[in-house]
Amino acid sequence: MSKGNITRLSLDELTKIKGKTRPDAPEGPSLGANFWKNARMVHPGGPKKQLTMRLDADMLAWFKGQGKGYQTRMNAVLRSYYEAARQETKNG
């Protein structure tokens, strides 16, 4: 992370932000059985290796727009594709 992305806040500023949260906020909508029908658990594959790769700018922007942990999410998408392709190969 570059130094330009770091925001320093005082304790008072943090308290004001914290005061805007709503612990009594209603829960989000239920996702329902249909959402979970094809859901699959993706487990980490072990130690990660660093690499350099070129990606389409719009795709990278979308993943980064999802917030912190975008590289981990990209890894999960790749792992999901890998597992599905492996399963397809096993099944014929």
PDB file of N, CA and C in Angstrom:
ATOM      1  N   MET A   1       0.858  -1.173   0.000  1.00  0.00           N
ATOM      2  CA  MET A   1       0.000   0.000   0.000  1.00  0.00           C
ATOM      3  C   MET A   1       0.900   1.231   0.000  1.00  0.00           C
ATOM      4  N   SER A   2       0.612   2.184  -0.838  1.00  0.00           N
ATOM      5  CA  SER A   2       1.399   3.407  -0.888  1.00  0.00           C
ATOM      6  C   SER A   2       0.991   4.321   0.264  1.00  0.00           C
ATOM      7  N   LYS A   3       1.892   5.212   0.630  1.00  0.00           N
ATOM      8  CA  LYS A   3       1.606   6.132   1.738  1.00  0.00           C
ATOM      9  C   LYS A   3       0.430   7.047   1.431  1.00  0.00           C
ATOM     10  N   GLY A   4       0.140   7.267   0.151  1.00  0.00           N
ATOM     11  CA  GLY A   4      -0.976   8.121  -0.234  1.00  0.00           C
ATOM     12  C   GLY A   4      -2.333   7.538   0.122  1.00  0.00           C
ATOM     13  N   ASN A   5      -2.401   6.234   0.386  1.00  0.00           N
ATOM     14  CA  ASN A   5      -3.671   5.577   0.712  1.00  0.00           C
ATOM     15  C   ASN A   5      -3.936   5.495   2.209  1.00  0.00           C
ATOM     16  N   ILE A   6      -3.011   5.967   3.014  1.00  0.00           N
ATOM     17  CA  ILE A   6      -3.157   5.855   4.466  1.00  0.00           C
ATOM     18  C   ILE A   6      -3.837   7.107   5.010  1.00  0.00           C
ATOM     19  N   THR A   7      -4.914   6.912   5.755  1.00  0.00           N
ATOM     20  CA  THR A   7      -5.616   8.019   6.399  1.00  0.00           C
ATOM     21  C   THR A   7      -5.414   7.891   7.900  1.00  0.00           C
ATOM     22  N   ARG A   8      -4.915   8.921   8.500  1.00  0.00           N
ATOM     23  CA  ARG A   8      -4.712   8.910   9.952  1.00  0.00           C
ATOM     24  C   ARG A   8      -5.880   9.648  10.605  1.00  0.00           C
ATOM     25  N   LEU A   9      -6.453   9.014  11.618  1.00  0.00           N
ATOM     26  CA  LEU A   9      -7.592   9.602  12.322  1.00  0.00           C
ATOM     27  C   LEU A   9      -7.275   9.706  13.807  1.00  0.00           C
ATOM     28  N   SER A  10      -7.798  10.741  14.429  1.00  0.00           N
ATOM     29  CA  SER A  10      -7.656  10.883  15.875  1.00  0.00           C
ATOM     30  C   SER A  10      -8.699   9.993  16.548  1.00  0.00           C
ATOM     31  N   LEU A  11      -8.558   9.818  17.848  1.00  0.00           N
ATOM     32  CA  LEU A  11      -9.523   9.020  18.599  1.00  0.00           C
ATOM     33  C   LEU A  11     -10.918   9.627  18.497  1.00  0.00           C
ATOM     34  N   ASP A  12     -11.004  10.958  18.547  1.00  0.00           N
ATOM     35  CA  ASP A  12     -12.307  11.634  18.416  1.00  0.00           C
ATOM     36  C   ASP A  12     -12.940  11.339  17.058  1.00  0.00           C
ATOM     37  N   GLU A  13     -12.125  11.383  16.001  1.00  0.00           N
ATOM     38  CA  GLU A  13     -12.647  11.104  14.657  1.00  0.00           C
ATOM     39  C   GLU A  13     -13.138   9.662  14.547  1.00  0.00           C
ATOM     40  N   LEU A  14     -12.389   8.740  15.139  1.00  0.00           N
ATOM     41  CA  LEU A  14     -12.817   7.336  15.130  1.00  0.00           C
ATOM     42  C   LEU A  14     -14.121   7.151  15.891  1.00  0.00           C
ATOM     43  N   THR A  15     -14.252   7.835  17.020  1.00  0.00           N
ATOM     44  CA  THR A  15     -15.473   7.743  17.821  1.00  0.00           C
ATOM     45  C   THR A  15     -16.676   8.246  17.039  1.00  0.00           C
ATOM     46  N   LYS A  16     -16.493   9.327  16.293  1.00  0.00           N
ATOM     47  CA  LYS A  16     -17.588   9.866  15.483  1.00  0.00           C
ATOM     48  C   LYS A  16     -18.006   8.879  14.398  1.00  0.00           C
ATOM     49  N   ILE A  17     -17.041   8.241  13.780  1.00  0.00           N
ATOM     50  CA  ILE A  17     -17.357   7.238  12.751  1.00  0.00           C
ATOM     51  C   ILE A  17     -18.088   6.069  13.392  1.00  0.00           C
ATOM     52  N   LYS A  18     -17.568   5.613  14.529  1.00  0.00           N
ATOM     53  CA  LYS A  18     -18.176   4.492  15.229  1.00  0.00           C
ATOM     54  C   LYS A  18     -19.613   4.811  15.619  1.00  0.00           C
ATOM     55  N   GLY A  19     -19.866   6.074  15.971  1.00  0.00           N
ATOM     56  CA  GLY A  19     -21.202   6.483  16.374  1.00  0.00           C
ATOM     57  C   GLY A  19     -22.220   6.407  15.247  1.00  0.00           C
ATOM     58  N   LYS A  20     -21.759   6.321  14.006  1.00  0.00           N
ATOM     59  CA  LYS A  20     -22.667   6.259  12.863  1.00  0.00           C
ATOM     60  C   LYS A  20     -23.123   4.833  12.557  1.00  0.00           C
ATOM     61  N   THR A  21     -22.538   3.855  13.231  1.00  0.00           N
ATOM     62  CA  THR A  21     -22.947   2.471  12.983  1.00  0.00           C
ATOM     63  C   THR A  21     -24.275   2.190  13.671  1.00  0.00           C
ATOM     64  N   ARG A  22     -24.981   1.180  13.188  1.00  0.00           N
ATOM     65  CA  ARG A  22     -26.274   0.833  13.767  1.00  0.00           C
ATOM     66  C   ARG A  22     -26.272  -0.633  14.181  1.00  0.00           C
ATOM     67  N   PRO A  23     -25.959  -0.918  15.438  1.00  0.00           N
ATOM     68  CA  PRO A  23     -25.960  -2.308  15.885  1.00  0.00           C
ATOM     69  C   PRO A  23     -27.350  -2.938  15.815  1.00  0.00           C
ATOM     70  N   ASP A  24     -28.396  -2.092  15.775  1.00  0.00           N
ATOM     71  CA  ASP A  24     -29.767  -2.597  15.712  1.00  0.00           C
ATOM     72  C   ASP A  24     -30.286  -2.649  14.270  1.00  0.00           C
ATOM     73  N   ALA A  25     -29.387  -2.480  13.293  1.00  0.00           N
ATOM     74  CA  ALA A  25     -29.814  -2.485  11.883  1.00  0.00           C
ATOM     75  C   ALA A  25     -30.434  -3.834  11.529  1.00  0.00           C
ATOM     76  N   PRO A  26     -31.453  -3.826  10.682  1.00  0.00           N
ATOM     77  CA  PRO A  26     -32.081  -5.096  10.303  1.00  0.00           C
ATOM     78  C   PRO A  26     -31.117  -5.962   9.496  1.00  0.00           C
ATOM     79  N   GLU A  27     -31.301  -7.261   9.580  1.00  0.00           N
ATOM     80  CA  GLU A  27     -30.467  -8.185   8.815  1.00  0.00           C
ATOM     81  C   GLU A  27     -30.778  -8.034   7.337  1.00  0.00           C
ATOM     82  N   GLY A  28     -29.833  -8.415   6.520  1.00  0.00           N
ATOM     83  CA  GLY A  28     -30.036  -8.382   5.074  1.00  0.00           C
ATOM     84  C   GLY A  28     -31.055  -9.433   4.668  1.00  0.00           C
ATOM     85  N   PRO A  29     -31.481  -9.395   3.416  1.00  0.00           N
ATOM     86  CA  PRO A  29     -32.475 -10.363   2.953  1.00  0.00           C
ATOM     87  C   PRO A  29     -31.914 -11.784   2.948  1.00  0.00           C
ATOM     88  N   SER A  30     -32.784 -12.741   3.136  1.00  0.00           N
ATOM     89  CA  SER A  30     -32.390 -14.144   3.077  1.00  0.00           C
ATOM     90  C   SER A  30     -32.026 -14.482   1.638  1.00  0.00           C
ATOM     91  N   LEU A  31     -30.974 -15.256   1.454  1.00  0.00           N
ATOM     92  CA  LEU A  31     -30.532 -15.595   0.105  1.00  0.00           C
ATOM     93  C   LEU A  31     -31.353 -16.726  -0.503  1.00  0.00           C
ATOM     94  N   GLY A  32     -31.977 -17.525   0.319  1.00  0.00           N
ATOM     95  CA  GLY A  32     -32.849 -18.579  -0.189  1.00  0.00           C
ATOM     96  C   GLY A  32     -32.098 -19.804  -0.686  1.00  0.00           C
ATOM     97  N   ALA A  33     -32.817 -20.901  -0.817  1.00  0.00           N
ATOM     98  CA  ALA A  33     -32.235 -22.185  -1.219  1.00  0.00           C
ATOM     99  C   ALA A  33     -31.681 -22.143  -2.635  1.00  0.00           C
ATOM    100  N   ASN A  34     -32.323 -21.394  -3.518  1.00  0.00           N
ATOM    101  CA  ASN A  34     -31.884 -21.330  -4.914  1.00  0.00           C
ATOM    102  C   ASN A  34     -30.464 -20.769  -5.025  1.00  0.00           C
ATOM    103  N   PHE A  35     -30.153 -19.784  -4.184  1.00  0.00           N
ATOM    104  CA  PHE A  35     -28.825 -19.181  -4.191  1.00  0.00           C
ATOM    105  C   PHE A  35     -27.761 -20.215  -3.839  1.00  0.00           C
ATOM    106  N   TRP A  36     -28.069 -21.062  -2.863  1.00  0.00           N
ATOM    107  CA  TRP A  36     -27.092 -22.017  -2.348  1.00  0.00           C
ATOM    108  C   TRP A  36     -27.029 -23.319  -3.137  1.00  0.00           C
ATOM    109  N   LYS A  37     -27.970 -23.521  -4.062  1.00  0.00           N
ATOM    110  CA  LYS A  37     -28.058 -24.795  -4.783  1.00  0.00           C
ATOM    111  C   LYS A  37     -26.729 -25.192  -5.440  1.00  0.00           C
ATOM    112  N   ASN A  38     -26.078 -24.261  -6.107  1.00  0.00           N
ATOM    113  CA  ASN A  38     -24.828 -24.573  -6.802  1.00  0.00           C
ATOM    114  C   ASN A  38     -23.594 -24.006  -6.101  1.00  0.00           C
ATOM    115  N   ALA A  39     -23.766 -23.534  -4.874  1.00  0.00           N
ATOM    116  CA  ALA A  39     -22.633 -22.969  -4.138  1.00  0.00           C
ATOM    117  C   ALA A  39     -21.628 -24.064  -3.813  1.00  0.00           C
ATOM    118  N   ARG A  40     -20.354 -23.700  -3.862  1.00  0.00           N
ATOM    119  CA  ARG A  40     -19.307 -24.666  -3.531  1.00  0.00           C
ATOM    120  C   ARG A  40     -18.306 -24.012  -2.593  1.00  0.00           C
ATOM    121  N   MET A  41     -17.855 -24.781  -1.625  1.00  0.00           N
ATOM    122  CA  MET A  41     -16.849 -24.297  -0.688  1.00  0.00           C
ATOM    123  C   MET A  41     -15.501 -24.311  -1.398  1.00  0.00           C
ATOM    124  N   VAL A  42     -14.789 -23.202  -1.331  1.00  0.00           N
ATOM    125  CA  VAL A  42     -13.462 -23.122  -1.939  1.00  0.00           C
ATOM    126  C   VAL A  42     -12.455 -22.989  -0.812  1.00  0.00           C
ATOM    127  N   HIS A  43     -11.533 -23.947  -0.739  1.00  0.00           N
ATOM    128  CA  HIS A  43     -10.515 -23.950   0.304  1.00  0.00           C
ATOM    129  C   HIS A  43      -9.192 -23.454  -0.261  1.00  0.00           C
ATOM    130  N   PRO A  44      -8.406 -22.788   0.564  1.00  0.00           N
ATOM    131  CA  PRO A  44      -7.086 -22.359   0.099  1.00  0.00           C
ATOM    132  C   PRO A  44      -6.261 -23.568  -0.332  1.00  0.00           C
ATOM    133  N   GLY A  45      -5.433 -23.392  -1.317  1.00  0.00           N
ATOM    134  CA  GLY A  45      -4.654 -24.497  -1.866  1.00  0.00           C
ATOM    135  C   GLY A  45      -3.276 -24.655  -1.270  1.00  0.00           C
ATOM    136  N   GLY A  46      -2.987 -24.002  -0.186  1.00  0.00           N
ATOM    137  CA  GLY A  46      -1.668 -24.116   0.418  1.00  0.00           C
ATOM    138  C   GLY A  46      -0.870 -22.837   0.228  1.00  0.00           C
ATOM    139  N   PRO A  47       0.449 -22.947   0.350  1.00  0.00           N
ATOM    140  CA  PRO A  47       1.282 -21.744   0.228  1.00  0.00           C
ATOM    141  C   PRO A  47       1.112 -21.085  -1.135  1.00  0.00           C
ATOM    142  N   LYS A  48       1.125 -19.775  -1.134  1.00  0.00           N
ATOM    143  CA  LYS A  48       0.953 -19.033  -2.387  1.00  0.00           C
ATOM    144  C   LYS A  48       2.318 -18.652  -2.945  1.00  0.00           C
ATOM    145  N   LYS A  49       2.369 -18.490  -4.248  1.00  0.00           N
ATOM    146  CA  LYS A  49       3.578 -18.055  -4.949  1.00  0.00           C
ATOM    147  C   LYS A  49       3.305 -16.688  -5.559  1.00  0.00           C
ATOM    148  N   GLN A  50       4.284 -15.825  -5.501  1.00  0.00           N
ATOM    149  CA  GLN A  50       4.140 -14.506  -6.109  1.00  0.00           C
ATOM    150  C   GLN A  50       4.456 -14.604  -7.593  1.00  0.00           C
ATOM    151  N   LEU A  51       3.682 -13.865  -8.421  1.00  0.00           N
ATOM    152  CA  LEU A  51       3.938 -13.830  -9.849  1.00  0.00           C
ATOM    153  C   LEU A  51       3.508 -12.494 -10.415  1.00  0.00           C
ATOM    154  N   THR A  52       3.937 -12.247 -11.626  1.00  0.00           N
ATOM    155  CA  THR A  52       3.519 -11.046 -12.342  1.00  0.00           C
ATOM    156  C   THR A  52       2.713 -11.503 -13.536  1.00  0.00           C
ATOM    157  N   MET A  53       1.545 -10.909 -13.745  1.00  0.00           N
ATOM    158  CA  MET A  53       0.725 -11.280 -14.897  1.00  0.00           C
ATOM    159  C   MET A  53       0.008 -10.056 -15.439  1.00  0.00           C
ATOM    160  N   ARG A  54      -0.384 -10.135 -16.686  1.00  0.00           N
ATOM    161  CA  ARG A  54      -1.112  -9.045 -17.331  1.00  0.00           C
ATOM    162  C   ARG A  54      -2.590  -9.410 -17.369  1.00  0.00           C
ATOM    163  N   LEU A  55      -3.422  -8.461 -16.957  1.00  0.00           N
ATOM    164  CA  LEU A  55      -4.866  -8.671 -16.913  1.00  0.00           C
ATOM    165  C   LEU A  55      -5.563  -7.554 -17.674  1.00  0.00           C
ATOM    166  N   ASP A  56      -6.760  -7.825 -18.145  1.00  0.00           N
ATOM    167  CA  ASP A  56      -7.565  -6.778 -18.773  1.00  0.00           C
ATOM    168  C   ASP A  56      -7.864  -5.711 -17.722  1.00  0.00           C
ATOM    169  N   ALA A  57      -7.724  -4.452 -18.121  1.00  0.00           N
ATOM    170  CA  ALA A  57      -7.877  -3.334 -17.184  1.00  0.00           C
ATOM    171  C   ALA A  57      -9.250  -3.310 -16.530  1.00  0.00           C
ATOM    172  N   ASP A  58     -10.312  -3.586 -17.304  1.00  0.00           N
ATOM    173  CA  ASP A  58     -11.660  -3.528 -16.733  1.00  0.00           C
ATOM    174  C   ASP A  58     -11.880  -4.622 -15.700  1.00  0.00           C
ATOM    175  N   MET A  59     -11.316  -5.802 -15.959  1.00  0.00           N
ATOM    176  CA  MET A  59     -11.470  -6.904 -15.014  1.00  0.00           C
ATOM    177  C   MET A  59     -10.726  -6.595 -13.715  1.00  0.00           C
ATOM    178  N   LEU A  60      -9.505  -6.092 -13.830  1.00  0.00           N
ATOM    179  CA  LEU A  60      -8.731  -5.745 -12.645  1.00  0.00           C
ATOM    180  C   LEU A  60      -9.424  -4.641 -11.848  1.00  0.00           C
ATOM    181  N   ALA A  61      -9.949  -3.651 -12.547  1.00  0.00           N
ATOM    182  CA  ALA A  61     -10.662  -2.556 -11.872  1.00  0.00           C
ATOM    183  C   ALA A  61     -11.875  -3.085 -11.116  1.00  0.00           C
ATOM    184  N   TRP A  62     -12.595  -4.034 -11.708  1.00  0.00           N
ATOM    185  CA  TRP A  62     -13.768  -4.595 -11.040  1.00  0.00           C
ATOM    186  C   TRP A  62     -13.363  -5.317  -9.761  1.00  0.00           C
ATOM    187  N   PHE A  63     -12.344  -6.171  -9.840  1.00  0.00           N
ATOM    188  CA  PHE A  63     -11.903  -6.893  -8.644  1.00  0.00           C
ATOM    189  C   PHE A  63     -11.411  -5.918  -7.577  1.00  0.00           C
ATOM    190  N   LYS A  64     -10.620  -4.927  -7.970  1.00  0.00           N
ATOM    191  CA  LYS A  64     -10.131  -3.943  -7.002  1.00  0.00           C
ATOM    192  C   LYS A  64     -11.290  -3.170  -6.391  1.00  0.00           C
ATOM    193  N   GLY A  65     -12.324  -2.919  -7.177  1.00  0.00           N
ATOM    194  CA  GLY A  65     -13.498  -2.200  -6.699  1.00  0.00           C
ATOM    195  C   GLY A  65     -14.279  -2.959  -5.640  1.00  0.00           C
ATOM    196  N   GLN A  66     -14.036  -4.259  -5.530  1.00  0.00           N
ATOM    197  CA  GLN A  66     -14.711  -5.066  -4.515  1.00  0.00           C
ATOM    198  C   GLN A  66     -14.099  -4.852  -3.136  1.00  0.00           C
ATOM    199  N   GLY A  67     -12.959  -4.162  -3.088  1.00  0.00           N
ATOM    200  CA  GLY A  67     -12.351  -3.831  -1.808  1.00  0.00           C
ATOM    201  C   GLY A  67     -11.140  -4.673  -1.471  1.00  0.00           C
ATOM    202  N   LYS A  68     -10.707  -4.502  -0.245  1.00  0.00           N
ATOM    203  CA  LYS A  68      -9.519  -5.184   0.256  1.00  0.00           C
ATOM    204  C   LYS A  68      -9.672  -6.696   0.083  1.00  0.00           C
ATOM    205  N   GLY A  69      -8.594  -7.343  -0.281  1.00  0.00           N
ATOM    206  CA  GLY A  69      -8.621  -8.787  -0.469  1.00  0.00           C
ATOM    207  C   GLY A  69      -8.939  -9.198  -1.895  1.00  0.00           C
ATOM    208  N   TYR A  70      -8.832  -8.253  -2.827  1.00  0.00           N
ATOM    209  CA  TYR A  70      -9.212  -8.567  -4.214  1.00  0.00           C
ATOM    210  C   TYR A  70      -8.325  -9.658  -4.811  1.00  0.00           C
ATOM    211  N   GLN A  71      -7.052  -9.717  -4.436  1.00  0.00           N
ATOM    212  CA  GLN A  71      -6.176 -10.758  -4.974  1.00  0.00           C
ATOM    213  C   GLN A  71      -6.587 -12.130  -4.451  1.00  0.00           C
ATOM    214  N   THR A  72      -7.014 -12.190  -3.208  1.00  0.00           N
ATOM    215  CA  THR A  72      -7.495 -13.450  -2.639  1.00  0.00           C
ATOM    216  C   THR A  72      -8.764 -13.889  -3.352  1.00  0.00           C
ATOM    217  N   ARG A  73      -9.651 -12.931  -3.669  1.00  0.00           N
ATOM    218  CA  ARG A  73     -10.868 -13.277  -4.414  1.00  0.00           C
ATOM    219  C   ARG A  73     -10.537 -13.757  -5.821  1.00  0.00           C
ATOM    220  N   MET A  74      -9.566 -13.115  -6.464  1.00  0.00           N
ATOM    221  CA  MET A  74      -9.154 -13.557  -7.797  1.00  0.00           C
ATOM    222  C   MET A  74      -8.617 -14.986  -7.723  1.00  0.00           C
ATOM    223  N   ASN A  75      -7.850 -15.278  -6.689  1.00  0.00           N
ATOM    224  CA  ASN A  75      -7.329 -16.626  -6.493  1.00  0.00           C
ATOM    225  C   ASN A  75      -8.473 -17.619  -6.296  1.00  0.00           C
ATOM    226  N   ALA A  76      -9.497 -17.228  -5.540  1.00  0.00           N
ATOM    227  CA  ALA A  76     -10.646 -18.112  -5.308  1.00  0.00           C
ATOM    228  C   ALA A  76     -11.392 -18.398  -6.607  1.00  0.00           C
ATOM    229  N   VAL A  77     -11.530 -17.385  -7.470  1.00  0.00           N
ATOM    230  CA  VAL A  77     -12.194 -17.585  -8.766  1.00  0.00           C
ATOM    231  C   VAL A  77     -11.384 -18.556  -9.616  1.00  0.00           C
ATOM    232  N   LEU A  78     -10.073 -18.355  -9.656  1.00  0.00           N
ATOM    233  CA  LEU A  78      -9.216 -19.259 -10.429  1.00  0.00           C
ATOM    234  C   LEU A  78      -9.265 -20.678  -9.868  1.00  0.00           C
ATOM    235  N   ARG A  79      -9.251 -20.792  -8.537  1.00  0.00           N
ATOM    236  CA  ARG A  79      -9.306 -22.123  -7.920  1.00  0.00           C
ATOM    237  C   ARG A  79     -10.629 -22.804  -8.240  1.00  0.00           C
ATOM    238  N   SER A  80     -11.727 -22.065  -8.207  1.00  0.00           N
ATOM    239  CA  SER A  80     -13.036 -22.626  -8.525  1.00  0.00           C
ATOM    240  C   SER A  80     -13.058 -23.147  -9.963  1.00  0.00           C
ATOM    241  N   TYR A  81     -12.510 -22.364 -10.891  1.00  0.00           N
ATOM    242  CA  TYR A  81     -12.434 -22.787 -12.295  1.00  0.00           C
ATOM    243  C   TYR A  81     -11.570 -24.040 -12.428  1.00  0.00           C
ATOM    244  N   TYR A  82     -10.438 -24.031 -11.753  1.00  0.00           N
ATOM    245  CA  TYR A  82      -9.517 -25.169 -11.767  1.00  0.00           C
ATOM    246  C   TYR A  82     -10.193 -26.437 -11.248  1.00  0.00           C
ATOM    247  N   GLU A  83     -10.884 -26.324 -10.117  1.00  0.00           N
ATOM    248  CA  GLU A  83     -11.569 -27.491  -9.537  1.00  0.00           C
ATOM    249  C   GLU A  83     -12.657 -28.007 -10.473  1.00  0.00           C
ATOM    250  N   ALA A  84     -13.423 -27.102 -11.076  1.00  0.00           N
ATOM    251  CA  ALA A  84     -14.489 -27.510 -12.002  1.00  0.00           C
ATOM    252  C   ALA A  84     -13.901 -28.198 -13.227  1.00  0.00           C
ATOM    253  N   ALA A  85     -12.819 -27.660 -13.773  1.00  0.00           N
ATOM    254  CA  ALA A  85     -12.183 -28.265 -14.946  1.00  0.00           C
ATOM    255  C   ALA A  85     -11.602 -29.629 -14.603  1.00  0.00           C
ATOM    256  N   ARG A  86     -11.025 -29.760 -13.426  1.00  0.00           N
ATOM    257  CA  ARG A  86     -10.486 -31.064 -12.987  1.00  0.00           C
ATOM    258  C   ARG A  86     -11.598 -32.084 -12.849  1.00  0.00           C
ATOM    259  N   GLN A  87     -12.724 -31.655 -12.280  1.00  0.00           N
ATOM    260  CA  GLN A  87     -13.869 -32.553 -12.101  1.00  0.00           C
ATOM    261  C   GLN A  87     -14.407 -32.997 -13.455  1.00  0.00           C
ATOM    262  N   GLU A  88     -14.474 -32.069 -14.411  1.00  0.00           N
ATOM    263  CA  GLU A  88     -14.943 -32.383 -15.762  1.00  0.00           C
ATOM    264  C   GLU A  88     -14.046 -33.423 -16.414  1.00  0.00           C
ATOM    265  N   THR A  89     -12.745 -33.286 -16.221  1.00  0.00           N
ATOM    266  CA  THR A  89     -11.780 -34.233 -16.784  1.00  0.00           C
ATOM    267  C   THR A  89     -11.967 -35.612 -16.162  1.00  0.00           C
ATOM    268  N   LYS A  90     -12.207 -35.659 -14.855  1.00  0.00           N
ATOM    269  CA  LYS A  90     -12.433 -36.937 -14.162  1.00  0.00           C
ATOM    270  C   LYS A  90     -13.682 -37.634 -14.677  1.00  0.00           C
ATOM    271  N   ASN A  91     -14.737 -36.846 -14.924  1.00  0.00           N
ATOM    272  CA  ASN A  91     -16.026 -37.417 -15.328  1.00  0.00           C
ATOM    273  C   ASN A  91     -16.093 -37.737 -16.813  1.00  0.00           C
ATOM    274  N   GLY A  92     -15.073 -37.415 -17.535  1.00  0.00           N
ATOM    275  CA  GLY A  92     -15.078 -37.844 -18.918  1.00  0.00           C
ATOM    276  C   GLY A  92     -15.128 -36.783 -19.901  1.00  0.00           C
TER     277      GLY A  92
END
